Amino acid sequence: MAHLTPEYAILSEEAITSGLLLGVMMAKARPHEHLPCTGGAIGQGLPVGVGAAIACPDRKVVSVEGDGSAAYTMQALWTMAREKLDVTVVLCANRSYSILKIELARVAPRAQARGRSRCSTSAART
């Protein structure tokens, strides 16, 4: 990817688990700007790519997006096409919301230690 990224491109990135090594890979790339995931929310990567393309129409935008994150803001793809924006989308398809599974694994043991099951079904019984 570093070899193919044009000089002064804008890299919009929200590939939480798939893109862990993106910074290492892009270290040898031509000069570019990196707009990383800010954390705390899911679905910002594609819209950031749209915004970058509108703000800097003379620069190539590469949007690296996880498939789980992309599911939240697919309408950004429509906007890219309709507005004829110069955005290349690289979709990392691990076919799961991996970051959500990781976070669930982190909190589930604590919930069990407090005497709670992973999923409460009491609301369904009432």
C-alpha atoms as a PDB file:
ATOM      1  CA  MET A   1       0.000   0.000   0.000  1.00  0.00           C
ATOM      2  CA  ALA A   2       2.844   2.400   0.795  1.00  0.00           C
ATOM      3  CA  HIS A   3       4.293   1.815  -2.667  1.00  0.00           C
ATOM      4  CA  LEU A   4       0.979   2.628  -4.388  1.00  0.00           C
ATOM      5  CA  THR A   5      -0.043   5.663  -2.353  1.00  0.00           C
ATOM      6  CA  PRO A   6       0.563   8.862  -4.342  1.00  0.00           C
ATOM      7  CA  GLU A   7       2.585  11.744  -2.977  1.00  0.00           C
ATOM      8  CA  TYR A   8       0.585  14.144  -0.767  1.00  0.00           C
ATOM      9  CA  ALA A   9      -2.371  11.784  -0.583  1.00  0.00           C
ATOM     10  CA  ILE A  10      -4.746  11.999   2.342  1.00  0.00           C
ATOM     11  CA  LEU A  11      -5.156   8.714   4.183  1.00  0.00           C
ATOM     12  CA  SER A  12      -8.444   8.401   6.059  1.00  0.00           C
ATOM     13  CA  GLU A  13      -8.305   5.362   8.294  1.00  0.00           C
ATOM     14  CA  GLU A  14     -10.762   3.416  10.421  1.00  0.00           C
ATOM     15  CA  ALA A  15      -9.566  -0.150  10.356  1.00  0.00           C
ATOM     16  CA  ILE A  16      -9.400  -0.692  14.088  1.00  0.00           C
ATOM     17  CA  THR A  17      -8.091  -4.262  14.160  1.00  0.00           C
ATOM     18  CA  SER A  18      -7.163  -4.832  10.500  1.00  0.00           C
ATOM     19  CA  GLY A  19      -5.137  -1.635  10.356  1.00  0.00           C
ATOM     20  CA  LEU A  20      -2.997  -2.167  13.430  1.00  0.00           C
ATOM     21  CA  LEU A  21       0.179  -2.242  11.316  1.00  0.00           C
ATOM     22  CA  LEU A  22      -0.894   0.516   8.933  1.00  0.00           C
ATOM     23  CA  GLY A  23       1.393   3.094  10.538  1.00  0.00           C
ATOM     24  CA  VAL A  24       4.369   0.764  10.217  1.00  0.00           C
ATOM     25  CA  MET A  25       3.502  -0.022   6.592  1.00  0.00           C
ATOM     26  CA  MET A  26       3.049   3.631   5.665  1.00  0.00           C
ATOM     27  CA  ALA A  27       6.270   4.790   7.353  1.00  0.00           C
ATOM     28  CA  LYS A  28       8.142   4.323   4.076  1.00  0.00           C
ATOM     29  CA  ALA A  29       5.412   5.841   1.896  1.00  0.00           C
ATOM     30  CA  ARG A  30       5.719   9.095  -0.010  1.00  0.00           C
ATOM     31  CA  PRO A  31       4.766  12.197   2.016  1.00  0.00           C
ATOM     32  CA  HIS A  32       1.067  12.016   2.941  1.00  0.00           C
ATOM     33  CA  GLU A  33      -1.376  13.088   5.626  1.00  0.00           C
ATOM     34  CA  HIS A  34      -2.913  10.496   7.929  1.00  0.00           C
ATOM     35  CA  LEU A  35      -6.354  11.112   9.428  1.00  0.00           C
ATOM     36  CA  PRO A  36      -6.588   8.235  11.932  1.00  0.00           C
ATOM     37  CA  CYS A  37      -9.567   6.867  13.763  1.00  0.00           C
ATOM     38  CA  THR A  38     -10.279   9.009  16.789  1.00  0.00           C
ATOM     39  CA  GLY A  39     -11.665   6.148  18.860  1.00  0.00           C
ATOM     40  CA  GLY A  40     -14.798   5.954  20.933  1.00  0.00           C
ATOM     41  CA  ALA A  41     -17.166   5.693  17.986  1.00  0.00           C
ATOM     42  CA  ILE A  42     -17.630   3.469  14.969  1.00  0.00           C
ATOM     43  CA  GLY A  43     -18.301   4.635  11.429  1.00  0.00           C
ATOM     44  CA  GLN A  44     -16.306   7.834  11.051  1.00  0.00           C
ATOM     45  CA  GLY A  45     -13.734   6.644   8.477  1.00  0.00           C
ATOM     46  CA  LEU A  46     -15.721   6.846   5.231  1.00  0.00           C
ATOM     47  CA  PRO A  47     -17.306  10.225   6.059  1.00  0.00           C
ATOM     48  CA  VAL A  48     -13.840  11.570   6.893  1.00  0.00           C
ATOM     49  CA  GLY A  49     -12.753  10.445   3.419  1.00  0.00           C
ATOM     50  CA  VAL A  50     -15.714  12.327   1.913  1.00  0.00           C
ATOM     51  CA  GLY A  51     -14.826  15.462   3.856  1.00  0.00           C
ATOM     52  CA  ALA A  52     -11.163  15.261   2.864  1.00  0.00           C
ATOM     53  CA  ALA A  53     -12.054  14.865  -0.820  1.00  0.00           C
ATOM     54  CA  ILE A  54     -14.409  17.854  -0.714  1.00  0.00           C
ATOM     55  CA  ALA A  55     -11.908  20.003   1.214  1.00  0.00           C
ATOM     56  CA  CYS A  56      -8.932  19.076  -1.008  1.00  0.00           C
ATOM     57  CA  PRO A  57     -10.263  18.173  -4.473  1.00  0.00           C
ATOM     58  CA  ASP A  58      -6.759  18.381  -5.972  1.00  0.00           C
ATOM     59  CA  ARG A  59      -5.418  15.564  -3.747  1.00  0.00           C
ATOM     60  CA  LYS A  60      -5.968  11.816  -3.850  1.00  0.00           C
ATOM     61  CA  VAL A  61      -7.830  10.404  -0.844  1.00  0.00           C
ATOM     62  CA  VAL A  62      -7.373   6.803   0.268  1.00  0.00           C
ATOM     63  CA  SER A  63      -9.896   5.574   2.817  1.00  0.00           C
ATOM     64  CA  VAL A  64      -8.862   2.402   4.677  1.00  0.00           C
ATOM     65  CA  GLU A  65     -11.938   1.007   6.388  1.00  0.00           C
ATOM     66  CA  GLY A  66     -12.846  -2.122   8.305  1.00  0.00           C
ATOM     67  CA  ASP A  67     -15.946  -3.929   7.074  1.00  0.00           C
ATOM     68  CA  GLY A  68     -17.666  -3.635  10.460  1.00  0.00           C
ATOM     69  CA  SER A  69     -17.053   0.104  10.631  1.00  0.00           C
ATOM     70  CA  ALA A  70     -18.127   0.579   7.015  1.00  0.00           C
ATOM     71  CA  ALA A  71     -21.516  -0.959   7.805  1.00  0.00           C
ATOM     72  CA  TYR A  72     -22.348   2.087   9.946  1.00  0.00           C
ATOM     73  CA  THR A  73     -21.918   4.701   7.202  1.00  0.00           C
ATOM     74  CA  MET A  74     -22.307   2.996   3.830  1.00  0.00           C
ATOM     75  CA  GLN A  75     -24.160   6.055   2.558  1.00  0.00           C
ATOM     76  CA  ALA A  76     -20.733   7.714   2.280  1.00  0.00           C
ATOM     77  CA  LEU A  77     -20.039   5.398  -0.682  1.00  0.00           C
ATOM     78  CA  TRP A  78     -23.122   6.804  -2.421  1.00  0.00           C
ATOM     79  CA  THR A  79     -21.898  10.344  -1.733  1.00  0.00           C
ATOM     80  CA  MET A  80     -18.456   9.533  -3.138  1.00  0.00           C
ATOM     81  CA  ALA A  81     -20.021   8.200  -6.350  1.00  0.00           C
ATOM     82  CA  ARG A  82     -22.680  10.890  -6.717  1.00  0.00           C
ATOM     83  CA  GLU A  83     -20.229  13.742  -6.168  1.00  0.00           C
ATOM     84  CA  LYS A  84     -17.537  12.017  -8.277  1.00  0.00           C
ATOM     85  CA  LEU A  85     -15.026  12.346  -5.448  1.00  0.00           C
ATOM     86  CA  ASP A  86     -11.483  11.073  -5.963  1.00  0.00           C
ATOM     87  CA  VAL A  87     -11.514   8.540  -3.133  1.00  0.00           C
ATOM     88  CA  THR A  88     -10.106   5.024  -3.254  1.00  0.00           C
ATOM     89  CA  VAL A  89     -11.688   2.814  -0.590  1.00  0.00           C
ATOM     90  CA  VAL A  90      -9.656  -0.103   0.752  1.00  0.00           C
ATOM     91  CA  LEU A  91     -12.063  -2.342   2.645  1.00  0.00           C
ATOM     92  CA  CYS A  92     -10.476  -4.756   5.135  1.00  0.00           C
ATOM     93  CA  ALA A  93     -12.873  -7.682   5.223  1.00  0.00           C
ATOM     94  CA  ASN A  94     -12.389  -9.787   8.340  1.00  0.00           C
ATOM     95  CA  ARG A  95     -16.154 -10.444   8.284  1.00  0.00           C
ATOM     96  CA  SER A  96     -16.794  -9.475  11.878  1.00  0.00           C
ATOM     97  CA  TYR A  97     -16.921  -6.578  14.284  1.00  0.00           C
ATOM     98  CA  SER A  98     -13.585  -7.673  15.715  1.00  0.00           C
ATOM     99  CA  ILE A  99     -13.100  -4.674  17.978  1.00  0.00           C
ATOM    100  CA  LEU A 100     -16.502  -5.291  19.591  1.00  0.00           C
ATOM    101  CA  LYS A 101     -15.558  -8.932  20.235  1.00  0.00           C
ATOM    102  CA  ILE A 102     -12.278  -7.809  21.800  1.00  0.00           C
ATOM    103  CA  GLU A 103     -14.046  -5.292  24.037  1.00  0.00           C
ATOM    104  CA  LEU A 104     -16.693  -7.842  25.060  1.00  0.00           C
ATOM    105  CA  ALA A 105     -13.958 -10.304  26.011  1.00  0.00           C
ATOM    106  CA  ARG A 106     -12.385  -7.588  28.183  1.00  0.00           C
ATOM    107  CA  VAL A 107     -15.558  -6.793  30.156  1.00  0.00           C
ATOM    108  CA  ALA A 108     -17.279 -10.191  30.275  1.00  0.00           C
ATOM    109  CA  PRO A 109     -14.939 -11.738  32.882  1.00  0.00           C
ATOM    110  CA  ARG A 110     -15.506  -8.751  35.193  1.00  0.00           C
ATOM    111  CA  ALA A 111     -19.278  -9.076  34.852  1.00  0.00           C
ATOM    112  CA  GLN A 112     -19.096 -12.791  35.652  1.00  0.00           C
ATOM    113  CA  ALA A 113     -16.906 -12.101  38.680  1.00  0.00           C
ATOM    114  CA  ARG A 114     -19.652  -9.816  40.031  1.00  0.00           C
ATOM    115  CA  GLY A 115     -22.164 -12.646  39.671  1.00  0.00           C
ATOM    116  CA  ARG A 116     -23.760 -11.544  36.411  1.00  0.00           C
ATOM    117  CA  SER A 117     -24.065 -13.561  33.278  1.00  0.00           C
ATOM    118  CA  ARG A 118     -22.837 -12.179  29.951  1.00  0.00           C
ATOM    119  CA  CYS A 119     -26.374 -11.571  28.740  1.00  0.00           C
ATOM    120  CA  SER A 120     -29.294 -10.903  31.005  1.00  0.00           C
ATOM    121  CA  THR A 121     -32.555 -12.503  29.893  1.00  0.00           C
ATOM    122  CA  SER A 122     -34.650 -11.269  32.820  1.00  0.00           C
ATOM    123  CA  ALA A 123     -36.184  -8.488  30.712  1.00  0.00           C
ATOM    124  CA  ALA A 124     -37.358 -11.055  28.170  1.00  0.00           C
ATOM    125  CA  ARG A 125     -39.189 -13.031  30.880  1.00  0.00           C
ATOM    126  CA  THR A 126     -41.239 -10.119  32.181  1.00  0.00           C
END
